[in-house]
């Protein structure tokens, strides 16, 4: 029983905000824009690595292929999200009011 008394009370968690006191709320459009910017950066990195490989600045083919595949996968995901959004918009426009 003495072991239970030694535990003590609960301490507050550091850096935890109370409900409803968020600093900035971001919407879906902001999240999508942020992701699109990230995809653009990945594509530029992959392009730069391919250029470095072509001119002989790097010989690490594995790194170039990984960067290219990562950029390709990110772009395909963004394209699928765009397609789903477009499909949802078209369905809404076909609704009869």
PDB file of N, CA and C in Angstrom:
ATOM      1  N   UNK A   1       0.812  -1.201   0.000  1.00  0.00           N
ATOM      2  CA  UNK A   1       0.000   0.000   0.000  1.00  0.00           C
ATOM      3  C   UNK A   1       0.851   1.259   0.000  1.00  0.00           C
ATOM      4  N   UNK A   2       2.024   1.188   0.572  1.00  0.00           N
ATOM      5  CA  UNK A   2       2.894   2.360   0.585  1.00  0.00           C
ATOM      6  C   UNK A   2       3.354   2.729  -0.818  1.00  0.00           C
ATOM      7  N   UNK A   3       3.488   1.741  -1.709  1.00  0.00           N
ATOM      8  CA  UNK A   3       3.901   2.003  -3.087  1.00  0.00           C
ATOM      9  C   UNK A   3       2.892   2.851  -3.836  1.00  0.00           C
ATOM     10  N   UNK A   4       1.631   2.664  -3.549  1.00  0.00           N
ATOM     11  CA  UNK A   4       0.585   3.438  -4.211  1.00  0.00           C
ATOM     12  C   UNK A   4       0.638   4.887  -3.763  1.00  0.00           C
ATOM     13  N   UNK A   5       0.912   5.154  -2.523  1.00  0.00           N
ATOM     14  CA  UNK A   5       0.982   6.525  -2.022  1.00  0.00           C
ATOM     15  C   UNK A   5       2.176   7.266  -2.605  1.00  0.00           C
ATOM     16  N   UNK A   6       3.235   6.559  -2.952  1.00  0.00           N
ATOM     17  CA  UNK A   6       4.432   7.200  -3.482  1.00  0.00           C
ATOM     18  C   UNK A   6       4.265   7.664  -4.927  1.00  0.00           C
ATOM     19  N   UNK A   7       3.273   7.155  -5.631  1.00  0.00           N
ATOM     20  CA  UNK A   7       3.078   7.532  -7.035  1.00  0.00           C
ATOM     21  C   UNK A   7       2.750   9.015  -7.154  1.00  0.00           C
ATOM     22  N   UNK A   8       1.934   9.531  -6.327  1.00  0.00           N
ATOM     23  CA  UNK A   8       1.594  10.946  -6.357  1.00  0.00           C
ATOM     24  C   UNK A   8       0.505  11.256  -7.370  1.00  0.00           C
ATOM     25  N   UNK A   9       0.306  12.549  -7.592  1.00  0.00           N
ATOM     26  CA  UNK A   9      -0.739  13.002  -8.499  1.00  0.00           C
ATOM     27  C   UNK A   9      -0.253  13.092  -9.932  1.00  0.00           C
ATOM     28  N   UNK A  10      -1.174  13.379 -10.823  1.00  0.00           N
ATOM     29  CA  UNK A  10      -0.849  13.533 -12.234  1.00  0.00           C
ATOM     30  C   UNK A  10      -0.277  14.919 -12.495  1.00  0.00           C
ATOM     31  N   UNK A  11       0.738  14.973 -13.316  1.00  0.00           N
ATOM     32  CA  UNK A  11       1.344  16.243 -13.707  1.00  0.00           C
ATOM     33  C   UNK A  11       0.735  16.692 -15.031  1.00  0.00           C
ATOM     34  N   UNK A  12       0.558  18.004 -15.233  1.00  0.00           N
ATOM     35  CA  UNK A  12       0.009  18.474 -16.511  1.00  0.00           C
ATOM     36  C   UNK A  12       0.998  18.218 -17.645  1.00  0.00           C
ATOM     37  N   UNK A  13       0.459  17.935 -18.818  1.00  0.00           N
ATOM     38  CA  UNK A  13       1.297  17.693 -19.985  1.00  0.00           C
ATOM     39  C   UNK A  13       1.851  19.012 -20.513  1.00  0.00           C
ATOM     40  N   UNK A  14       3.120  19.054 -20.891  1.00  0.00           N
ATOM     41  CA  UNK A  14       3.684  20.285 -21.434  1.00  0.00           C
ATOM     42  C   UNK A  14       3.201  20.526 -22.863  1.00  0.00           C
ATOM     43  N   UNK A  15       3.077  21.781 -23.231  1.00  0.00           N
ATOM     44  CA  UNK A  15       2.728  22.201 -24.592  1.00  0.00           C
ATOM     45  C   UNK A  15       1.402  21.642 -25.094  1.00  0.00           C
ATOM     46  N   UNK A  16       0.443  21.461 -24.214  1.00  0.00           N
ATOM     47  CA  UNK A  16      -0.868  20.979 -24.624  1.00  0.00           C
ATOM     48  C   UNK A  16      -1.839  22.146 -24.527  1.00  0.00           C
ATOM     49  N   UNK A  17      -2.533  22.398 -25.633  1.00  0.00           N
ATOM     50  CA  UNK A  17      -3.495  23.490 -25.650  1.00  0.00           C
ATOM     51  C   UNK A  17      -4.859  22.969 -25.230  1.00  0.00           C
ATOM     52  N   UNK A  18      -5.628  23.836 -24.619  1.00  0.00           N
ATOM     53  CA  UNK A  18      -6.983  23.478 -24.246  1.00  0.00           C
ATOM     54  C   UNK A  18      -7.847  23.443 -25.498  1.00  0.00           C
ATOM     55  N   UNK A  19      -8.941  22.721 -25.426  1.00  0.00           N
ATOM     56  CA  UNK A  19      -9.847  22.606 -26.564  1.00  0.00           C
ATOM     57  C   UNK A  19     -10.388  23.982 -26.933  1.00  0.00           C
ATOM     58  N   UNK A  20     -10.409  24.251 -28.225  1.00  0.00           N
ATOM     59  CA  UNK A  20     -10.947  25.512 -28.706  1.00  0.00           C
ATOM     60  C   UNK A  20      -9.957  26.657 -28.702  1.00  0.00           C
ATOM     61  N   UNK A  21      -8.700  26.413 -28.374  1.00  0.00           N
ATOM     62  CA  UNK A  21      -7.710  27.489 -28.361  1.00  0.00           C
ATOM     63  C   UNK A  21      -6.622  27.234 -29.399  1.00  0.00           C
ATOM     64  N   UNK A  22      -7.021  26.770 -30.553  1.00  0.00           N
ATOM     65  CA  UNK A  22      -6.042  26.530 -31.608  1.00  0.00           C
ATOM     66  C   UNK A  22      -5.531  27.855 -32.142  1.00  0.00           C
ATOM     67  N   UNK A  23      -4.252  27.858 -32.503  1.00  0.00           N
ATOM     68  CA  UNK A  23      -3.643  29.086 -32.998  1.00  0.00           C
ATOM     69  C   UNK A  23      -4.165  29.448 -34.383  1.00  0.00           C
ATOM     70  N   UNK A  24      -4.118  28.491 -35.313  1.00  0.00           N
ATOM     71  CA  UNK A  24      -4.573  28.766 -36.668  1.00  0.00           C
ATOM     72  C   UNK A  24      -5.238  27.525 -37.219  1.00  0.00           C
ATOM     73  N   UNK A  25      -6.409  27.693 -37.745  1.00  0.00           N
ATOM     74  CA  UNK A  25      -7.100  26.570 -38.349  1.00  0.00           C
ATOM     75  C   UNK A  25      -6.854  26.602 -39.849  1.00  0.00           C
ATOM     76  N   UNK A  26      -6.454  25.475 -40.386  1.00  0.00           N
ATOM     77  CA  UNK A  26      -6.247  25.399 -41.822  1.00  0.00           C
ATOM     78  C   UNK A  26      -7.359  24.572 -42.425  1.00  0.00           C
ATOM     79  N   UNK A  27      -7.791  24.987 -43.584  1.00  0.00           N
ATOM     80  CA  UNK A  27      -8.855  24.279 -44.261  1.00  0.00           C
ATOM     81  C   UNK A  27      -8.307  23.240 -45.221  1.00  0.00           C
ATOM     82  N   UNK A  28      -9.227  22.586 -45.890  1.00  0.00           N
ATOM     83  CA  UNK A  28      -8.846  21.553 -46.842  1.00  0.00           C
ATOM     84  C   UNK A  28      -8.070  22.150 -48.003  1.00  0.00           C
ATOM     85  N   UNK A  29      -8.469  23.327 -48.452  1.00  0.00           N
ATOM     86  CA  UNK A  29      -7.775  23.971 -49.573  1.00  0.00           C
ATOM     87  C   UNK A  29      -6.329  24.285 -49.207  1.00  0.00           C
ATOM     88  N   UNK A  30      -6.100  24.747 -47.977  1.00  0.00           N
ATOM     89  CA  UNK A  30      -4.734  25.034 -47.538  1.00  0.00           C
ATOM     90  C   UNK A  30      -3.900  23.762 -47.457  1.00  0.00           C
ATOM     91  N   UNK A  31      -4.503  22.698 -46.968  1.00  0.00           N
ATOM     92  CA  UNK A  31      -3.782  21.424 -46.878  1.00  0.00           C
ATOM     93  C   UNK A  31      -3.436  20.901 -48.266  1.00  0.00           C
ATOM     94  N   UNK A  32      -4.366  21.025 -49.188  1.00  0.00           N
ATOM     95  CA  UNK A  32      -4.121  20.576 -50.555  1.00  0.00           C
ATOM     96  C   UNK A  32      -3.039  21.420 -51.220  1.00  0.00           C
ATOM     97  N   UNK A  33      -3.074  22.720 -50.984  1.00  0.00           N
ATOM     98  CA  UNK A  33      -2.055  23.612 -51.546  1.00  0.00           C
ATOM     99  C   UNK A  33      -0.681  23.269 -50.978  1.00  0.00           C
ATOM    100  N   UNK A  34      -0.620  23.020 -49.687  1.00  0.00           N
ATOM    101  CA  UNK A  34       0.647  22.668 -49.039  1.00  0.00           C
ATOM    102  C   UNK A  34       1.195  21.356 -49.605  1.00  0.00           C
ATOM    103  N   UNK A  35       0.322  20.386 -49.813  1.00  0.00           N
ATOM    104  CA  UNK A  35       0.762  19.111 -50.370  1.00  0.00           C
ATOM    105  C   UNK A  35       1.244  19.287 -51.808  1.00  0.00           C
ATOM    106  N   UNK A  36       0.541  20.102 -52.597  1.00  0.00           N
ATOM    107  CA  UNK A  36       0.955  20.347 -53.982  1.00  0.00           C
ATOM    108  C   UNK A  36       2.325  21.015 -54.030  1.00  0.00           C
ATOM    109  N   UNK A  37       2.579  21.932 -53.109  1.00  0.00           N
ATOM    110  CA  UNK A  37       3.896  22.568 -53.046  1.00  0.00           C
ATOM    111  C   UNK A  37       4.973  21.541 -52.691  1.00  0.00           C
ATOM    112  N   UNK A  38       4.652  20.619 -51.795  1.00  0.00           N
ATOM    113  CA  UNK A  38       5.590  19.560 -51.435  1.00  0.00           C
ATOM    114  C   UNK A  38       5.891  18.643 -52.608  1.00  0.00           C
ATOM    115  N   UNK A  39       4.865  18.320 -53.390  1.00  0.00           N
ATOM    116  CA  UNK A  39       5.062  17.485 -54.577  1.00  0.00           C
ATOM    117  C   UNK A  39       5.954  18.213 -55.576  1.00  0.00           C
ATOM    118  N   UNK A  40       5.736  19.498 -55.740  1.00  0.00           N
ATOM    119  CA  UNK A  40       6.567  20.285 -56.649  1.00  0.00           C
ATOM    120  C   UNK A  40       8.029  20.262 -56.207  1.00  0.00           C
ATOM    121  N   UNK A  41       8.267  20.393 -54.910  1.00  0.00           N
ATOM    122  CA  UNK A  41       9.635  20.336 -54.394  1.00  0.00           C
ATOM    123  C   UNK A  41      10.264  18.969 -54.653  1.00  0.00           C
ATOM    124  N   UNK A  42       9.496  17.900 -54.455  1.00  0.00           N
ATOM    125  CA  UNK A  42      10.009  16.547 -54.706  1.00  0.00           C
ATOM    126  C   UNK A  42      10.368  16.366 -56.176  1.00  0.00           C
ATOM    127  N   UNK A  43       9.527  16.892 -57.069  1.00  0.00           N
ATOM    128  CA  UNK A  43       9.815  16.794 -58.497  1.00  0.00           C
ATOM    129  C   UNK A  43      11.077  17.571 -58.861  1.00  0.00           C
ATOM    130  N   UNK A  44      11.254  18.746 -58.268  1.00  0.00           N
ATOM    131  CA  UNK A  44      12.451  19.542 -58.542  1.00  0.00           C
ATOM    132  C   UNK A  44      13.707  18.862 -58.011  1.00  0.00           C
ATOM    133  N   UNK A  45      13.614  18.246 -56.824  1.00  0.00           N
ATOM    134  CA  UNK A  45      14.760  17.518 -56.271  1.00  0.00           C
ATOM    135  C   UNK A  45      15.153  16.359 -57.179  1.00  0.00           C
ATOM    136  N   UNK A  46      14.159  15.607 -57.621  1.00  0.00           N
ATOM    137  CA  UNK A  46      14.428  14.465 -58.495  1.00  0.00           C
ATOM    138  C   UNK A  46      15.043  14.928 -59.810  1.00  0.00           C
ATOM    139  N   UNK A  47      14.538  16.029 -60.346  1.00  0.00           N
ATOM    140  CA  UNK A  47      15.082  16.570 -61.588  1.00  0.00           C
ATOM    141  C   UNK A  47      16.538  16.996 -61.401  1.00  0.00           C
ATOM    142  N   UNK A  48      16.823  17.638 -60.281  1.00  0.00           N
ATOM    143  CA  UNK A  48      18.191  18.057 -59.988  1.00  0.00           C
ATOM    144  C   UNK A  48      19.132  16.869 -59.843  1.00  0.00           C
ATOM    145  N   UNK A  49      18.661  15.807 -59.202  1.00  0.00           N
ATOM    146  CA  UNK A  49      19.493  14.607 -59.034  1.00  0.00           C
ATOM    147  C   UNK A  49      19.738  13.919 -60.371  1.00  0.00           C
ATOM    148  N   UNK A  50      18.738  13.938 -61.251  1.00  0.00           N
ATOM    149  CA  UNK A  50      18.933  13.351 -62.581  1.00  0.00           C
ATOM    150  C   UNK A  50      19.947  14.157 -63.388  1.00  0.00           C
ATOM    151  N   UNK A  51      19.870  15.488 -63.263  1.00  0.00           N
ATOM    152  CA  UNK A  51      20.848  16.340 -63.956  1.00  0.00           C
ATOM    153  C   UNK A  51      22.256  16.088 -63.428  1.00  0.00           C
ATOM    154  N   UNK A  52      22.386  15.970 -62.101  1.00  0.00           N
ATOM    155  CA  UNK A  52      23.695  15.693 -61.505  1.00  0.00           C
ATOM    156  C   UNK A  52      24.259  14.367 -62.000  1.00  0.00           C
ATOM    157  N   UNK A  53      23.402  13.382 -62.137  1.00  0.00           N
ATOM    158  CA  UNK A  53      23.846  12.084 -62.637  1.00  0.00           C
ATOM    159  C   UNK A  53      24.264  12.184 -64.101  1.00  0.00           C
ATOM    160  N   UNK A  54      23.512  12.958 -64.882  1.00  0.00           N
ATOM    161  CA  UNK A  54      23.805  13.081 -66.312  1.00  0.00           C
ATOM    162  C   UNK A  54      25.135  13.788 -66.572  1.00  0.00           C
ATOM    163  N   UNK A  55      25.464  14.796 -65.757  1.00  0.00           N
ATOM    164  CA  UNK A  55      26.713  15.540 -65.982  1.00  0.00           C
ATOM    165  C   UNK A  55      27.882  14.958 -65.208  1.00  0.00           C
ATOM    166  N   UNK A  56      27.639  13.936 -64.403  1.00  0.00           N
ATOM    167  CA  UNK A  56      28.724  13.257 -63.701  1.00  0.00           C
ATOM    168  C   UNK A  56      29.053  13.805 -62.328  1.00  0.00           C
ATOM    169  N   UNK A  57      28.198  14.656 -61.759  1.00  0.00           N
ATOM    170  CA  UNK A  57      28.443  15.195 -60.413  1.00  0.00           C
ATOM    171  C   UNK A  57      28.232  14.134 -59.338  1.00  0.00           C
ATOM    172  N   UNK A  58      27.397  13.158 -59.633  1.00  0.00           N
ATOM    173  CA  UNK A  58      27.146  12.073 -58.690  1.00  0.00           C
ATOM    174  C   UNK A  58      27.132  10.746 -59.439  1.00  0.00           C
ATOM    175  N   UNK A  59      27.488   9.710 -58.740  1.00  0.00           N
ATOM    176  CA  UNK A  59      27.451   8.381 -59.356  1.00  0.00           C
ATOM    177  C   UNK A  59      26.514   7.451 -58.591  1.00  0.00           C
ATOM    178  N   UNK A  60      25.742   8.013 -57.673  1.00  0.00           N
ATOM    179  CA  UNK A  60      24.836   7.215 -56.847  1.00  0.00           C
ATOM    180  C   UNK A  60      23.493   7.046 -57.561  1.00  0.00           C
ATOM    181  N   UNK A  61      23.427   6.043 -58.400  1.00  0.00           N
ATOM    182  CA  UNK A  61      22.220   5.777 -59.173  1.00  0.00           C
ATOM    183  C   UNK A  61      21.046   5.407 -58.268  1.00  0.00           C
ATOM    184  N   UNK A  62      21.337   4.703 -57.186  1.00  0.00           N
ATOM    185  CA  UNK A  62      20.290   4.278 -56.248  1.00  0.00           C
ATOM    186  C   UNK A  62      19.551   5.488 -55.670  1.00  0.00           C
ATOM    187  N   UNK A  63      20.285   6.511 -55.273  1.00  0.00           N
ATOM    188  CA  UNK A  63      19.676   7.720 -54.707  1.00  0.00           C
ATOM    189  C   UNK A  63      18.820   8.436 -55.746  1.00  0.00           C
ATOM    190  N   UNK A  64      19.295   8.473 -56.982  1.00  0.00           N
ATOM    191  CA  UNK A  64      18.550   9.131 -58.056  1.00  0.00           C
ATOM    192  C   UNK A  64      17.243   8.389 -58.334  1.00  0.00           C
ATOM    193  N   UNK A  65      17.309   7.076 -58.381  1.00  0.00           N
ATOM    194  CA  UNK A  65      16.106   6.280 -58.641  1.00  0.00           C
ATOM    195  C   UNK A  65      15.108   6.431 -57.495  1.00  0.00           C
ATOM    196  N   UNK A  66      15.592   6.425 -56.256  1.00  0.00           N
ATOM    197  CA  UNK A  66      14.686   6.603 -55.113  1.00  0.00           C
ATOM    198  C   UNK A  66      14.002   7.967 -55.145  1.00  0.00           C
ATOM    199  N   UNK A  67      14.760   9.014 -55.436  1.00  0.00           N
ATOM    200  CA  UNK A  67      14.174  10.358 -55.499  1.00  0.00           C
ATOM    201  C   UNK A  67      13.145  10.446 -56.621  1.00  0.00           C
ATOM    202  N   UNK A  68      13.454   9.824 -57.749  1.00  0.00           N
ATOM    203  CA  UNK A  68      12.533   9.842 -58.883  1.00  0.00           C
ATOM    204  C   UNK A  68      11.249   9.082 -58.565  1.00  0.00           C
ATOM    205  N   UNK A  69      11.373   7.927 -57.951  1.00  0.00           N
ATOM    206  CA  UNK A  69      10.189   7.139 -57.600  1.00  0.00           C
ATOM    207  C   UNK A  69       9.348   7.828 -56.531  1.00  0.00           C
ATOM    208  N   UNK A  70      10.008   8.470 -55.575  1.00  0.00           N
ATOM    209  CA  UNK A  70       9.273   9.200 -54.535  1.00  0.00           C
ATOM    210  C   UNK A  70       8.479  10.342 -55.155  1.00  0.00           C
ATOM    211  N   UNK A  71       9.109  11.078 -56.069  1.00  0.00           N
ATOM    212  CA  UNK A  71       8.421  12.180 -56.739  1.00  0.00           C
ATOM    213  C   UNK A  71       7.275  11.656 -57.599  1.00  0.00           C
ATOM    214  N   UNK A  72       7.498  10.545 -58.281  1.00  0.00           N
ATOM    215  CA  UNK A  72       6.466   9.955 -59.133  1.00  0.00           C
ATOM    216  C   UNK A  72       5.265   9.503 -58.308  1.00  0.00           C
ATOM    217  N   UNK A  73       5.528   8.846 -57.195  1.00  0.00           N
ATOM    218  CA  UNK A  73       4.447   8.379 -56.332  1.00  0.00           C
ATOM    219  C   UNK A  73       3.665   9.550 -55.729  1.00  0.00           C
ATOM    220  N   UNK A  74       4.374  10.594 -55.313  1.00  0.00           N
ATOM    221  CA  UNK A  74       3.707  11.779 -54.763  1.00  0.00           C
ATOM    222  C   UNK A  74       2.826  12.438 -55.813  1.00  0.00           C
ATOM    223  N   UNK A  75       3.336  12.522 -57.043  1.00  0.00           N
ATOM    224  CA  UNK A  75       2.563  13.140 -58.118  1.00  0.00           C
ATOM    225  C   UNK A  75       1.324  12.310 -58.452  1.00  0.00           C
ATOM    226  N   UNK A  76       1.475  10.986 -58.487  1.00  0.00           N
ATOM    227  CA  UNK A  76       0.328  10.124 -58.776  1.00  0.00           C
ATOM    228  C   UNK A  76      -0.747  10.254 -57.701  1.00  0.00           C
ATOM    229  N   UNK A  77      -0.328  10.365 -56.441  1.00  0.00           N
ATOM    230  CA  UNK A  77      -1.293  10.546 -55.359  1.00  0.00           C
ATOM    231  C   UNK A  77      -2.026  11.878 -55.505  1.00  0.00           C
ATOM    232  N   UNK A  78      -1.287  12.933 -55.812  1.00  0.00           N
ATOM    233  CA  UNK A  78      -1.906  14.244 -56.016  1.00  0.00           C
ATOM    234  C   UNK A  78      -2.888  14.203 -57.182  1.00  0.00           C
ATOM    235  N   UNK A  79      -2.524  13.514 -58.244  1.00  0.00           N
ATOM    236  CA  UNK A  79      -3.399  13.390 -59.402  1.00  0.00           C
ATOM    237  C   UNK A  79      -4.678  12.637 -59.045  1.00  0.00           C
ATOM    238  N   UNK A  80      -4.578  11.593 -58.235  1.00  0.00           N
ATOM    239  CA  UNK A  80      -5.764  10.847 -57.819  1.00  0.00           C
ATOM    240  C   UNK A  80      -6.674  11.691 -56.930  1.00  0.00           C
ATOM    241  N   UNK A  81      -6.083  12.484 -56.050  1.00  0.00           N
ATOM    242  CA  UNK A  81      -6.891  13.382 -55.210  1.00  0.00           C
ATOM    243  C   UNK A  81      -7.622  14.386 -56.089  1.00  0.00           C
ATOM    244  N   UNK A  82      -6.919  14.934 -57.080  1.00  0.00           N
ATOM    245  CA  UNK A  82      -7.551  15.881 -58.007  1.00  0.00           C
ATOM    246  C   UNK A  82      -8.696  15.207 -58.749  1.00  0.00           C
ATOM    247  N   UNK A  83      -8.478  13.994 -59.224  1.00  0.00           N
ATOM    248  CA  UNK A  83      -9.525  13.277 -59.957  1.00  0.00           C
ATOM    249  C   UNK A  83     -10.750  13.027 -59.081  1.00  0.00           C
ATOM    250  N   UNK A  84     -10.530  12.659 -57.821  1.00  0.00           N
ATOM    251  CA  UNK A  84     -11.656  12.419 -56.911  1.00  0.00           C
ATOM    252  C   UNK A  84     -12.407  13.717 -56.622  1.00  0.00           C
ATOM    253  N   UNK A  85     -11.679  14.810 -56.465  1.00  0.00           N
ATOM    254  CA  UNK A  85     -12.337  16.102 -56.241  1.00  0.00           C
ATOM    255  C   UNK A  85     -13.160  16.513 -57.453  1.00  0.00           C
ATOM    256  N   UNK A  86     -12.605  16.323 -58.634  1.00  0.00           N
ATOM    257  CA  UNK A  86     -13.321  16.659 -59.857  1.00  0.00           C
ATOM    258  C   UNK A  86     -14.567  15.794 -60.014  1.00  0.00           C
ATOM    259  N   UNK A  87     -14.446  14.522 -59.707  1.00  0.00           N
ATOM    260  CA  UNK A  87     -15.587  13.611 -59.780  1.00  0.00           C
ATOM    261  C   UNK A  87     -16.675  14.020 -58.786  1.00  0.00           C
ATOM    262  N   UNK A  88     -16.279  14.390 -57.573  1.00  0.00           N
ATOM    263  CA  UNK A  88     -17.255  14.832 -56.572  1.00  0.00           C
ATOM    264  C   UNK A  88     -17.943  16.116 -57.016  1.00  0.00           C
ATOM    265  N   UNK A  89     -17.190  17.043 -57.593  1.00  0.00           N
ATOM    266  CA  UNK A  89     -17.770  18.291 -58.095  1.00  0.00           C
ATOM    267  C   UNK A  89     -18.781  17.999 -59.199  1.00  0.00           C
ATOM    268  N   UNK A  90     -18.434  17.101 -60.108  1.00  0.00           N
ATOM    269  CA  UNK A  90     -19.344  16.766 -61.205  1.00  0.00           C
ATOM    270  C   UNK A  90     -20.617  16.107 -60.685  1.00  0.00           C
ATOM    271  N   UNK A  91     -20.504  15.278 -59.670  1.00  0.00           N
ATOM    272  CA  UNK A  91     -21.700  14.658 -59.085  1.00  0.00           C
ATOM    273  C   UNK A  91     -22.593  15.702 -58.434  1.00  0.00           C
ATOM    274  N   UNK A  92     -21.988  16.668 -57.771  1.00  0.00           N
ATOM    275  CA  UNK A  92     -22.774  17.739 -57.144  1.00  0.00           C
ATOM    276  C   UNK A  92     -23.487  18.562 -58.204  1.00  0.00           C
ATOM    277  N   UNK A  93     -22.802  18.831 -59.312  1.00  0.00           N
ATOM    278  CA  UNK A  93     -23.413  19.624 -60.381  1.00  0.00           C
ATOM    279  C   UNK A  93     -24.563  18.870 -61.061  1.00  0.00           C
ATOM    280  N   UNK A  94     -24.540  17.548 -61.049  1.00  0.00           N
ATOM    281  CA  UNK A  94     -25.614  16.753 -61.658  1.00  0.00           C
ATOM    282  C   UNK A  94     -26.832  16.620 -60.746  1.00  0.00           C
ATOM    283  N   UNK A  95     -26.690  16.998 -59.491  1.00  0.00           N
ATOM    284  CA  UNK A  95     -27.812  16.884 -58.552  1.00  0.00           C
ATOM    285  C   UNK A  95     -28.936  17.830 -58.958  1.00  0.00           C
ATOM    286  N   UNK A  96     -30.141  17.337 -58.828  1.00  0.00           N
ATOM    287  CA  UNK A  96     -31.291  18.182 -59.112  1.00  0.00           C
ATOM    288  C   UNK A  96     -31.797  18.767 -57.808  1.00  0.00           C
ATOM    289  N   UNK A  97     -32.040  20.041 -57.849  1.00  0.00           N
ATOM    290  CA  UNK A  97     -32.474  20.731 -56.639  1.00  0.00           C
ATOM    291  C   UNK A  97     -33.966  20.878 -56.625  1.00  0.00           C
TER     292      UNK A  97
END
